[in-house]
Amino acid sequence: MAGLTANYADALFHLAREHGALDEWLAQAALIRDALKDGKGRGAMEHPRMTRADKRSFLSAALPPGIHDDLVGFLHMLIAQRQEKLIVPVLTEFVDRGTRQDEKMLAHVISAAELKQGQAAALERVLAQKLGRPIELSIEIDPSLIGGLCIYVNGLVIDRTVKKQLGDLRDTIKRGGAV
């Protein structure tokens, strides 16, 4: 369930950034989470005999005024998918992620050749834009890669090296596949 919670929180994070309202949604999510955290709010949302329509009505009544429509829609989607028990954990993860967004993330880059200053800065900008957090590069040179880069960041591996491409080509040919 932790993976599902993180996936929903990630989707909510990207949706908020897409709308350009991350700070507003973070504040609203904290309000909603706190309103639903108590026994009555959580009990109603998780009650097995309460219909989804009743849960949506309860949620709408429990929400403070001025909550963004798309944030409410996201919560209604969780109810529609019978994931209402995840609302508080998802909102908690979303708020936690929002508070961590300003922390720098380390990206370990292995390059076949030394990167020029402009290349390193461009790579840092692109990674920061894609990951939504400031990036700090750790660069290592490994000529055995022949060309290209291999990037390790936040559990993600992006291998665009000539060595990797040649290995993939070799494996395809061994299997008798088309090139």
N, C-alpha and C. Protein backbone atom coordinates (compact mmCIF):
# COMPACT_ATOMS: atom_id res chain seq x y z
N MET A 1 0.82 -1.19 0.00
CA MET A 1 0.00 0.00 0.00
C MET A 1 0.87 1.25 0.00
N ALA A 2 2.10 1.16 0.53
CA ALA A 2 2.98 2.33 0.57
C ALA A 2 3.30 2.79 -0.84
N GLY A 3 3.49 1.83 -1.76
CA GLY A 3 3.78 2.19 -3.15
C GLY A 3 2.61 2.89 -3.80
N LEU A 4 1.40 2.43 -3.52
CA LEU A 4 0.21 3.05 -4.08
C LEU A 4 0.03 4.46 -3.52
N THR A 5 0.27 4.62 -2.23
CA THR A 5 0.19 5.94 -1.61
C THR A 5 1.17 6.89 -2.27
N ALA A 6 2.40 6.44 -2.45
CA ALA A 6 3.43 7.27 -3.09
C ALA A 6 3.05 7.61 -4.52
N ASN A 7 2.48 6.64 -5.24
CA ASN A 7 2.07 6.90 -6.63
C ASN A 7 0.98 7.96 -6.71
N TYR A 8 -0.01 7.84 -5.85
CA TYR A 8 -1.08 8.85 -5.83
C TYR A 8 -0.53 10.21 -5.42
N ALA A 9 0.33 10.24 -4.41
CA ALA A 9 0.92 11.51 -3.96
C ALA A 9 1.74 12.13 -5.07
N ASP A 10 2.47 11.30 -5.81
CA ASP A 10 3.27 11.78 -6.93
C ASP A 10 2.37 12.37 -8.01
N ALA A 11 1.27 11.68 -8.33
CA ALA A 11 0.33 12.18 -9.33
C ALA A 11 -0.26 13.52 -8.89
N LEU A 12 -0.60 13.63 -7.62
CA LEU A 12 -1.15 14.87 -7.08
C LEU A 12 -0.12 15.99 -7.15
N PHE A 13 1.12 15.66 -6.84
CA PHE A 13 2.22 16.63 -6.89
C PHE A 13 2.37 17.18 -8.31
N HIS A 14 2.39 16.30 -9.29
CA HIS A 14 2.54 16.73 -10.68
C HIS A 14 1.33 17.52 -11.17
N LEU A 15 0.15 17.13 -10.74
CA LEU A 15 -1.06 17.86 -11.10
C LEU A 15 -1.02 19.28 -10.54
N ALA A 16 -0.60 19.41 -9.29
CA ALA A 16 -0.51 20.73 -8.66
C ALA A 16 0.53 21.61 -9.37
N ARG A 17 1.66 21.01 -9.72
CA ARG A 17 2.70 21.77 -10.44
C ARG A 17 2.21 22.17 -11.83
N GLU A 18 1.47 21.28 -12.49
CA GLU A 18 0.91 21.57 -13.80
C GLU A 18 -0.01 22.79 -13.75
N HIS A 19 -0.76 22.91 -12.67
CA HIS A 19 -1.67 24.04 -12.49
C HIS A 19 -0.95 25.29 -11.98
N GLY A 20 0.32 25.16 -11.65
CA GLY A 20 1.08 26.29 -11.12
C GLY A 20 0.59 26.71 -9.75
N ALA A 21 0.06 25.76 -8.98
CA ALA A 21 -0.56 26.09 -7.70
C ALA A 21 -0.05 25.18 -6.58
N LEU A 22 1.21 24.78 -6.66
CA LEU A 22 1.72 23.81 -5.70
C LEU A 22 1.61 24.32 -4.26
N ASP A 23 2.05 25.53 -4.00
CA ASP A 23 2.00 26.05 -2.62
C ASP A 23 0.57 26.12 -2.10
N GLU A 24 -0.34 26.56 -2.96
CA GLU A 24 -1.76 26.66 -2.57
C GLU A 24 -2.32 25.27 -2.26
N TRP A 25 -2.03 24.29 -3.13
CA TRP A 25 -2.54 22.94 -2.94
C TRP A 25 -1.93 22.30 -1.70
N LEU A 26 -0.66 22.58 -1.43
CA LEU A 26 -0.03 22.02 -0.22
C LEU A 26 -0.74 22.51 1.03
N ALA A 27 -1.04 23.80 1.06
CA ALA A 27 -1.75 24.37 2.22
C ALA A 27 -3.15 23.76 2.33
N GLN A 28 -3.84 23.63 1.20
CA GLN A 28 -5.19 23.06 1.21
C GLN A 28 -5.16 21.59 1.59
N ALA A 29 -4.17 20.86 1.09
CA ALA A 29 -4.06 19.43 1.42
C ALA A 29 -3.85 19.23 2.92
N ALA A 30 -3.03 20.10 3.52
CA ALA A 30 -2.81 20.00 4.97
C ALA A 30 -4.10 20.25 5.74
N LEU A 31 -4.90 21.21 5.28
CA LEU A 31 -6.20 21.48 5.92
C LEU A 31 -7.14 20.28 5.81
N ILE A 32 -7.22 19.72 4.61
CA ILE A 32 -8.10 18.56 4.38
C ILE A 32 -7.64 17.37 5.22
N ARG A 33 -6.34 17.11 5.18
CA ARG A 33 -5.78 15.99 5.95
C ARG A 33 -6.12 16.13 7.42
N ASP A 34 -5.93 17.34 7.95
CA ASP A 34 -6.21 17.56 9.37
C ASP A 34 -7.70 17.43 9.68
N ALA A 35 -8.55 17.84 8.74
CA ALA A 35 -10.00 17.73 8.95
C ALA A 35 -10.46 16.27 8.93
N LEU A 36 -9.78 15.43 8.14
CA LEU A 36 -10.19 14.03 8.01
C LEU A 36 -9.44 13.09 8.94
N LYS A 37 -8.41 13.60 9.61
CA LYS A 37 -7.57 12.74 10.44
C LYS A 37 -8.28 12.26 11.70
N ASP A 38 -9.20 13.05 12.20
CA ASP A 38 -9.85 12.67 13.45
C ASP A 38 -10.71 11.42 13.26
N GLY A 39 -11.16 10.86 14.34
CA GLY A 39 -11.92 9.61 14.30
C GLY A 39 -13.19 9.70 13.48
N LYS A 40 -13.92 10.81 13.60
CA LYS A 40 -15.20 10.95 12.88
C LYS A 40 -14.96 11.02 11.37
N GLY A 41 -14.04 11.86 10.95
CA GLY A 41 -13.77 12.01 9.51
C GLY A 41 -13.24 10.74 8.89
N ARG A 42 -12.28 10.16 9.52
CA ARG A 42 -11.68 8.93 8.99
C ARG A 42 -12.68 7.77 9.05
N GLY A 43 -13.43 7.69 10.15
CA GLY A 43 -14.42 6.63 10.30
C GLY A 43 -15.48 6.69 9.22
N ALA A 44 -15.95 7.89 8.91
CA ALA A 44 -16.97 8.04 7.87
C ALA A 44 -16.42 7.66 6.51
N MET A 45 -15.19 8.07 6.21
CA MET A 45 -14.60 7.78 4.90
C MET A 45 -14.31 6.29 4.72
N GLU A 46 -14.07 5.59 5.80
CA GLU A 46 -13.72 4.17 5.71
C GLU A 46 -14.88 3.23 6.07
N HIS A 47 -16.03 3.80 6.37
CA HIS A 47 -17.17 2.98 6.78
C HIS A 47 -17.63 2.12 5.61
N PRO A 48 -17.73 0.79 5.81
CA PRO A 48 -18.06 -0.11 4.70
C PRO A 48 -19.49 0.01 4.20
N ARG A 49 -20.41 0.49 5.04
CA ARG A 49 -21.81 0.57 4.62
C ARG A 49 -22.18 1.93 4.02
N MET A 50 -21.26 2.84 4.05
CA MET A 50 -21.51 4.17 3.50
C MET A 50 -21.25 4.12 1.99
N THR A 51 -22.20 4.57 1.18
CA THR A 51 -22.04 4.53 -0.28
C THR A 51 -20.98 5.54 -0.72
N ARG A 52 -20.50 5.33 -1.93
CA ARG A 52 -19.51 6.28 -2.47
C ARG A 52 -20.12 7.67 -2.61
N ALA A 53 -21.39 7.75 -2.99
CA ALA A 53 -22.06 9.05 -3.12
C ALA A 53 -22.13 9.74 -1.76
N ASP A 54 -22.45 8.96 -0.71
CA ASP A 54 -22.50 9.52 0.64
C ASP A 54 -21.12 9.98 1.09
N LYS A 55 -20.09 9.23 0.72
CA LYS A 55 -18.72 9.61 1.09
C LYS A 55 -18.31 10.90 0.37
N ARG A 56 -18.69 11.04 -0.90
CA ARG A 56 -18.39 12.29 -1.62
C ARG A 56 -19.12 13.45 -0.98
N SER A 57 -20.38 13.24 -0.59
CA SER A 57 -21.15 14.30 0.08
C SER A 57 -20.53 14.66 1.42
N PHE A 58 -20.15 13.65 2.19
CA PHE A 58 -19.50 13.90 3.48
C PHE A 58 -18.21 14.68 3.29
N LEU A 59 -17.42 14.27 2.29
CA LEU A 59 -16.16 14.95 2.02
C LEU A 59 -16.40 16.41 1.65
N SER A 60 -17.34 16.66 0.77
CA SER A 60 -17.65 18.04 0.36
C SER A 60 -18.07 18.88 1.55
N ALA A 61 -18.86 18.30 2.45
CA ALA A 61 -19.32 19.04 3.63
C ALA A 61 -18.18 19.28 4.62
N ALA A 62 -17.22 18.35 4.68
CA ALA A 62 -16.12 18.46 5.64
C ALA A 62 -15.02 19.40 5.16
N LEU A 63 -14.99 19.68 3.85
CA LEU A 63 -13.91 20.50 3.31
C LEU A 63 -14.11 21.97 3.66
N PRO A 64 -13.01 22.65 3.99
CA PRO A 64 -13.11 24.09 4.19
C PRO A 64 -13.45 24.77 2.85
N PRO A 65 -14.04 25.95 2.88
CA PRO A 65 -14.39 26.64 1.63
C PRO A 65 -13.12 27.05 0.86
N GLY A 66 -13.26 27.11 -0.48
CA GLY A 66 -12.16 27.60 -1.30
C GLY A 66 -11.16 26.56 -1.77
N ILE A 67 -11.44 25.28 -1.53
CA ILE A 67 -10.54 24.22 -1.98
C ILE A 67 -10.63 24.12 -3.51
N HIS A 68 -9.48 24.02 -4.15
CA HIS A 68 -9.40 23.98 -5.61
C HIS A 68 -10.22 22.80 -6.15
N ASP A 69 -10.99 23.05 -7.21
CA ASP A 69 -11.87 22.03 -7.79
C ASP A 69 -11.13 20.77 -8.21
N ASP A 70 -9.94 20.92 -8.78
CA ASP A 70 -9.19 19.75 -9.23
C ASP A 70 -8.67 18.92 -8.05
N LEU A 71 -8.37 19.57 -6.95
CA LEU A 71 -7.96 18.84 -5.75
C LEU A 71 -9.15 18.04 -5.20
N VAL A 72 -10.31 18.66 -5.17
CA VAL A 72 -11.53 17.96 -4.75
C VAL A 72 -11.81 16.80 -5.72
N GLY A 73 -11.65 17.05 -7.02
CA GLY A 73 -11.85 16.00 -8.01
C GLY A 73 -10.90 14.83 -7.81
N PHE A 74 -9.67 15.11 -7.43
CA PHE A 74 -8.70 14.05 -7.15
C PHE A 74 -9.18 13.20 -5.97
N LEU A 75 -9.68 13.84 -4.94
CA LEU A 75 -10.19 13.11 -3.77
C LEU A 75 -11.42 12.28 -4.14
N HIS A 76 -12.28 12.84 -4.97
CA HIS A 76 -13.47 12.10 -5.44
C HIS A 76 -13.05 10.89 -6.28
N MET A 77 -11.97 11.04 -7.05
CA MET A 77 -11.45 9.93 -7.84
C MET A 77 -10.98 8.80 -6.92
N LEU A 78 -10.34 9.15 -5.81
CA LEU A 78 -9.91 8.12 -4.85
C LEU A 78 -11.13 7.37 -4.30
N ILE A 79 -12.18 8.11 -4.01
CA ILE A 79 -13.41 7.48 -3.51
C ILE A 79 -14.01 6.58 -4.59
N ALA A 80 -14.06 7.06 -5.82
CA ALA A 80 -14.63 6.27 -6.92
C ALA A 80 -13.85 4.98 -7.13
N GLN A 81 -12.55 5.01 -6.87
CA GLN A 81 -11.72 3.82 -7.04
C GLN A 81 -11.64 2.98 -5.75
N ARG A 82 -12.51 3.31 -4.80
CA ARG A 82 -12.58 2.60 -3.52
C ARG A 82 -11.24 2.65 -2.76
N GLN A 83 -10.59 3.80 -2.86
CA GLN A 83 -9.31 4.00 -2.18
C GLN A 83 -9.41 5.10 -1.12
N GLU A 84 -10.61 5.28 -0.57
CA GLU A 84 -10.81 6.36 0.40
C GLU A 84 -9.94 6.22 1.64
N LYS A 85 -9.56 4.98 1.98
CA LYS A 85 -8.69 4.79 3.15
C LYS A 85 -7.30 5.38 2.90
N LEU A 86 -6.99 5.68 1.65
CA LEU A 86 -5.68 6.25 1.31
C LEU A 86 -5.68 7.77 1.30
N ILE A 87 -6.84 8.40 1.45
CA ILE A 87 -6.89 9.86 1.34
C ILE A 87 -5.93 10.53 2.32
N VAL A 88 -6.02 10.21 3.59
CA VAL A 88 -5.14 10.85 4.59
C VAL A 88 -3.67 10.50 4.34
N PRO A 89 -3.32 9.22 4.11
CA PRO A 89 -1.91 8.92 3.82
C PRO A 89 -1.39 9.61 2.54
N VAL A 90 -2.22 9.70 1.50
CA VAL A 90 -1.80 10.36 0.26
C VAL A 90 -1.57 11.85 0.52
N LEU A 91 -2.50 12.48 1.21
CA LEU A 91 -2.34 13.91 1.50
C LEU A 91 -1.11 14.15 2.39
N THR A 92 -0.86 13.26 3.33
CA THR A 92 0.31 13.37 4.19
C THR A 92 1.59 13.26 3.36
N GLU A 93 1.65 12.27 2.49
CA GLU A 93 2.82 12.08 1.61
C GLU A 93 3.00 13.27 0.68
N PHE A 94 1.90 13.79 0.15
CA PHE A 94 1.94 14.95 -0.75
C PHE A 94 2.52 16.17 -0.02
N VAL A 95 2.03 16.43 1.19
CA VAL A 95 2.53 17.57 1.96
C VAL A 95 4.00 17.37 2.33
N ASP A 96 4.37 16.15 2.73
CA ASP A 96 5.77 15.86 3.05
C ASP A 96 6.66 16.07 1.83
N ARG A 97 6.21 15.60 0.70
CA ARG A 97 7.00 15.76 -0.52
C ARG A 97 7.15 17.24 -0.86
N GLY A 98 6.09 17.98 -0.68
CA GLY A 98 6.15 19.42 -0.96
C GLY A 98 7.15 20.14 -0.07
N THR A 99 7.26 19.71 1.17
CA THR A 99 8.24 20.36 2.06
C THR A 99 9.66 19.92 1.74
N ARG A 100 9.82 18.75 1.09
CA ARG A 100 11.15 18.28 0.71
C ARG A 100 11.58 18.79 -0.65
N GLN A 101 10.68 19.42 -1.40
CA GLN A 101 10.98 19.77 -2.79
C GLN A 101 12.15 20.73 -2.94
N ASP A 102 12.44 21.52 -1.92
CA ASP A 102 13.52 22.48 -2.03
C ASP A 102 14.88 21.88 -1.70
N GLU A 103 14.89 20.65 -1.16
CA GLU A 103 16.16 20.00 -0.86
C GLU A 103 16.81 19.54 -2.16
N LYS A 104 18.13 19.70 -2.24
CA LYS A 104 18.84 19.27 -3.44
C LYS A 104 18.90 17.75 -3.51
N MET A 105 18.77 17.25 -4.73
CA MET A 105 18.86 15.82 -5.00
C MET A 105 20.20 15.58 -5.69
N LEU A 106 20.90 14.54 -5.27
CA LEU A 106 22.19 14.22 -5.86
C LEU A 106 22.00 13.35 -7.10
N ALA A 107 22.61 13.78 -8.20
CA ALA A 107 22.60 13.00 -9.44
C ALA A 107 24.05 12.61 -9.74
N HIS A 108 24.30 11.31 -9.75
CA HIS A 108 25.64 10.81 -10.05
C HIS A 108 25.71 10.55 -11.55
N VAL A 109 26.62 11.25 -12.21
CA VAL A 109 26.76 11.18 -13.67
C VAL A 109 28.10 10.56 -13.99
N ILE A 110 28.07 9.53 -14.84
CA ILE A 110 29.31 8.92 -15.33
C ILE A 110 29.36 9.23 -16.82
N SER A 111 30.43 9.88 -17.23
CA SER A 111 30.57 10.32 -18.61
C SER A 111 31.82 9.70 -19.22
N ALA A 112 31.76 9.47 -20.53
CA ALA A 112 32.92 8.92 -21.23
C ALA A 112 34.03 9.97 -21.33
N ALA A 113 33.67 11.23 -21.35
CA ALA A 113 34.64 12.32 -21.45
C ALA A 113 34.23 13.43 -20.49
N GLU A 114 35.15 14.30 -20.21
CA GLU A 114 34.85 15.42 -19.29
C GLU A 114 33.78 16.31 -19.90
N LEU A 115 32.81 16.70 -19.08
CA LEU A 115 31.76 17.59 -19.54
C LEU A 115 32.25 19.03 -19.49
N LYS A 116 31.89 19.78 -20.51
CA LYS A 116 32.21 21.21 -20.50
C LYS A 116 31.27 21.88 -19.49
N GLN A 117 31.67 23.05 -19.01
CA GLN A 117 30.87 23.75 -18.00
C GLN A 117 29.43 23.96 -18.47
N GLY A 118 29.22 24.35 -19.70
CA GLY A 118 27.87 24.58 -20.23
C GLY A 118 27.06 23.30 -20.29
N GLN A 119 27.70 22.17 -20.60
CA GLN A 119 27.00 20.89 -20.67
C GLN A 119 26.53 20.45 -19.29
N ALA A 120 27.39 20.61 -18.30
CA ALA A 120 27.03 20.23 -16.94
C ALA A 120 25.87 21.09 -16.43
N ALA A 121 25.92 22.39 -16.71
CA ALA A 121 24.84 23.29 -16.28
C ALA A 121 23.53 22.95 -16.98
N ALA A 122 23.61 22.63 -18.28
CA ALA A 122 22.40 22.28 -19.03
C ALA A 122 21.80 20.98 -18.50
N LEU A 123 22.65 19.99 -18.22
CA LEU A 123 22.18 18.72 -17.67
C LEU A 123 21.51 18.93 -16.31
N GLU A 124 22.12 19.77 -15.50
CA GLU A 124 21.56 20.08 -14.17
C GLU A 124 20.18 20.73 -14.31
N ARG A 125 20.04 21.67 -15.26
CA ARG A 125 18.75 22.35 -15.49
C ARG A 125 17.69 21.37 -15.95
N VAL A 126 18.03 20.52 -16.92
CA VAL A 126 17.06 19.56 -17.46
C VAL A 126 16.60 18.58 -16.38
N LEU A 127 17.54 18.05 -15.60
CA LEU A 127 17.18 17.11 -14.53
C LEU A 127 16.31 17.79 -13.48
N ALA A 128 16.65 19.02 -13.12
CA ALA A 128 15.86 19.76 -12.12
C ALA A 128 14.44 19.98 -12.63
N GLN A 129 14.32 20.31 -13.91
CA GLN A 129 13.00 20.53 -14.50
C GLN A 129 12.19 19.23 -14.52
N LYS A 130 12.80 18.14 -14.92
CA LYS A 130 12.10 16.86 -15.01
C LYS A 130 11.73 16.30 -13.64
N LEU A 131 12.60 16.49 -12.64
CA LEU A 131 12.38 15.89 -11.33
C LEU A 131 11.72 16.84 -10.34
N GLY A 132 11.62 18.11 -10.71
CA GLY A 132 10.93 19.07 -9.85
C GLY A 132 11.68 19.43 -8.58
N ARG A 133 12.99 19.24 -8.57
CA ARG A 133 13.81 19.58 -7.40
C ARG A 133 15.17 20.06 -7.87
N PRO A 134 15.81 20.90 -7.07
CA PRO A 134 17.17 21.31 -7.41
C PRO A 134 18.09 20.08 -7.44
N ILE A 135 19.07 20.12 -8.32
CA ILE A 135 19.97 18.99 -8.53
C ILE A 135 21.41 19.41 -8.23
N GLU A 136 22.14 18.50 -7.62
CA GLU A 136 23.58 18.67 -7.45
C GLU A 136 24.23 17.51 -8.20
N LEU A 137 25.13 17.86 -9.13
CA LEU A 137 25.78 16.83 -9.94
C LEU A 137 27.07 16.34 -9.29
N SER A 138 27.26 15.05 -9.36
CA SER A 138 28.51 14.40 -8.99
C SER A 138 28.97 13.73 -10.28
N ILE A 139 30.09 14.21 -10.84
CA ILE A 139 30.51 13.74 -12.16
C ILE A 139 31.76 12.87 -12.05
N GLU A 140 31.70 11.73 -12.73
CA GLU A 140 32.82 10.78 -12.78
C GLU A 140 33.12 10.53 -14.25
N ILE A 141 34.39 10.40 -14.57
CA ILE A 141 34.81 10.14 -15.95
C ILE A 141 35.20 8.66 -16.07
N ASP A 142 34.65 7.98 -17.10
CA ASP A 142 34.99 6.58 -17.37
C ASP A 142 35.10 6.39 -18.88
N PRO A 143 36.32 6.47 -19.42
CA PRO A 143 36.50 6.35 -20.88
C PRO A 143 36.02 5.02 -21.46
N SER A 144 35.87 3.98 -20.63
CA SER A 144 35.42 2.68 -21.15
C SER A 144 33.97 2.74 -21.66
N LEU A 145 33.24 3.81 -21.36
CA LEU A 145 31.86 3.96 -21.85
C LEU A 145 31.82 4.33 -23.33
N ILE A 146 32.97 4.70 -23.89
CA ILE A 146 33.17 5.05 -25.29
C ILE A 146 32.55 6.42 -25.62
N GLY A 147 31.32 6.63 -25.24
CA GLY A 147 30.65 7.91 -25.46
C GLY A 147 29.35 7.93 -24.69
N GLY A 148 28.81 9.11 -24.46
CA GLY A 148 27.53 9.24 -23.79
C GLY A 148 27.62 9.37 -22.28
N LEU A 149 26.47 9.24 -21.63
CA LEU A 149 26.34 9.43 -20.19
C LEU A 149 25.51 8.31 -19.56
N CYS A 150 25.80 8.07 -18.29
CA CYS A 150 24.96 7.21 -17.47
C CYS A 150 24.64 8.04 -16.22
N ILE A 151 23.36 8.19 -15.90
CA ILE A 151 22.94 9.05 -14.79
C ILE A 151 22.18 8.21 -13.77
N TYR A 152 22.57 8.33 -12.51
CA TYR A 152 21.88 7.68 -11.39
C TYR A 152 21.31 8.80 -10.52
N VAL A 153 19.98 8.83 -10.41
CA VAL A 153 19.35 9.87 -9.59
C VAL A 153 18.06 9.33 -9.00
N ASN A 154 17.94 9.41 -7.69
CA ASN A 154 16.71 9.05 -6.98
C ASN A 154 16.21 7.65 -7.35
N GLY A 155 17.13 6.69 -7.46
CA GLY A 155 16.76 5.32 -7.78
C GLY A 155 16.52 5.07 -9.27
N LEU A 156 16.69 6.09 -10.08
CA LEU A 156 16.47 5.98 -11.52
C LEU A 156 17.82 5.89 -12.22
N VAL A 157 17.92 5.02 -13.21
CA VAL A 157 19.14 4.88 -14.01
C VAL A 157 18.82 5.24 -15.45
N ILE A 158 19.55 6.21 -15.98
CA ILE A 158 19.40 6.60 -17.39
C ILE A 158 20.74 6.31 -18.04
N ASP A 159 20.79 5.27 -18.84
CA ASP A 159 22.05 4.85 -19.46
C ASP A 159 21.97 5.10 -20.96
N ARG A 160 22.64 6.13 -21.40
CA ARG A 160 22.69 6.50 -22.82
C ARG A 160 24.14 6.48 -23.29
N THR A 161 24.83 5.39 -22.95
CA THR A 161 26.24 5.26 -23.33
C THR A 161 26.38 4.40 -24.58
N VAL A 162 27.44 4.64 -25.31
CA VAL A 162 27.73 3.83 -26.49
C VAL A 162 27.98 2.39 -26.06
N LYS A 163 28.66 2.20 -24.94
CA LYS A 163 28.94 0.85 -24.43
C LYS A 163 27.64 0.07 -24.22
N LYS A 164 26.64 0.70 -23.64
CA LYS A 164 25.33 0.07 -23.40
C LYS A 164 24.63 -0.24 -24.72
N GLN A 165 24.67 0.71 -25.66
CA GLN A 165 24.01 0.50 -26.95
C GLN A 165 24.67 -0.64 -27.72
N LEU A 166 26.00 -0.73 -27.65
CA LEU A 166 26.69 -1.83 -28.32
C LEU A 166 26.35 -3.17 -27.67
N GLY A 167 26.25 -3.16 -26.34
CA GLY A 167 25.86 -4.39 -25.62
C GLY A 167 24.46 -4.83 -26.00
N ASP A 168 23.54 -3.87 -26.10
CA ASP A 168 22.16 -4.20 -26.52
C ASP A 168 22.13 -4.75 -27.94
N LEU A 169 22.92 -4.14 -28.81
CA LEU A 169 23.00 -4.61 -30.19
C LEU A 169 23.55 -6.03 -30.25
N ARG A 170 24.61 -6.31 -29.48
CA ARG A 170 25.19 -7.65 -29.41
C ARG A 170 24.14 -8.66 -28.95
N ASP A 171 23.39 -8.32 -27.89
CA ASP A 171 22.37 -9.22 -27.37
C ASP A 171 21.27 -9.50 -28.39
N THR A 172 20.89 -8.48 -29.14
CA THR A 172 19.86 -8.63 -30.17
C THR A 172 20.34 -9.58 -31.27
N ILE A 173 21.59 -9.39 -31.67
CA ILE A 173 22.15 -10.24 -32.73
C ILE A 173 22.27 -11.69 -32.23
N LYS A 174 22.68 -11.88 -30.98
CA LYS A 174 22.79 -13.24 -30.42
C LYS A 174 21.44 -13.95 -30.42
N ARG A 175 20.38 -13.21 -30.13
CA ARG A 175 19.04 -13.80 -30.11
C ARG A 175 18.48 -14.00 -31.51
N GLY A 176 19.19 -13.51 -32.50
CA GLY A 176 18.72 -13.66 -33.87
C GLY A 176 17.68 -12.65 -34.26
N GLY A 177 17.61 -11.57 -33.49
CA GLY A 177 16.61 -10.53 -33.79
C GLY A 177 17.08 -9.59 -34.86
N ALA A 178 16.16 -8.83 -35.38
CA ALA A 178 16.46 -7.82 -36.39
C ALA A 178 17.09 -6.61 -35.72
N VAL A 179 17.97 -5.96 -36.41
CA VAL A 179 18.67 -4.79 -35.88
C VAL A 179 17.97 -3.54 -36.29
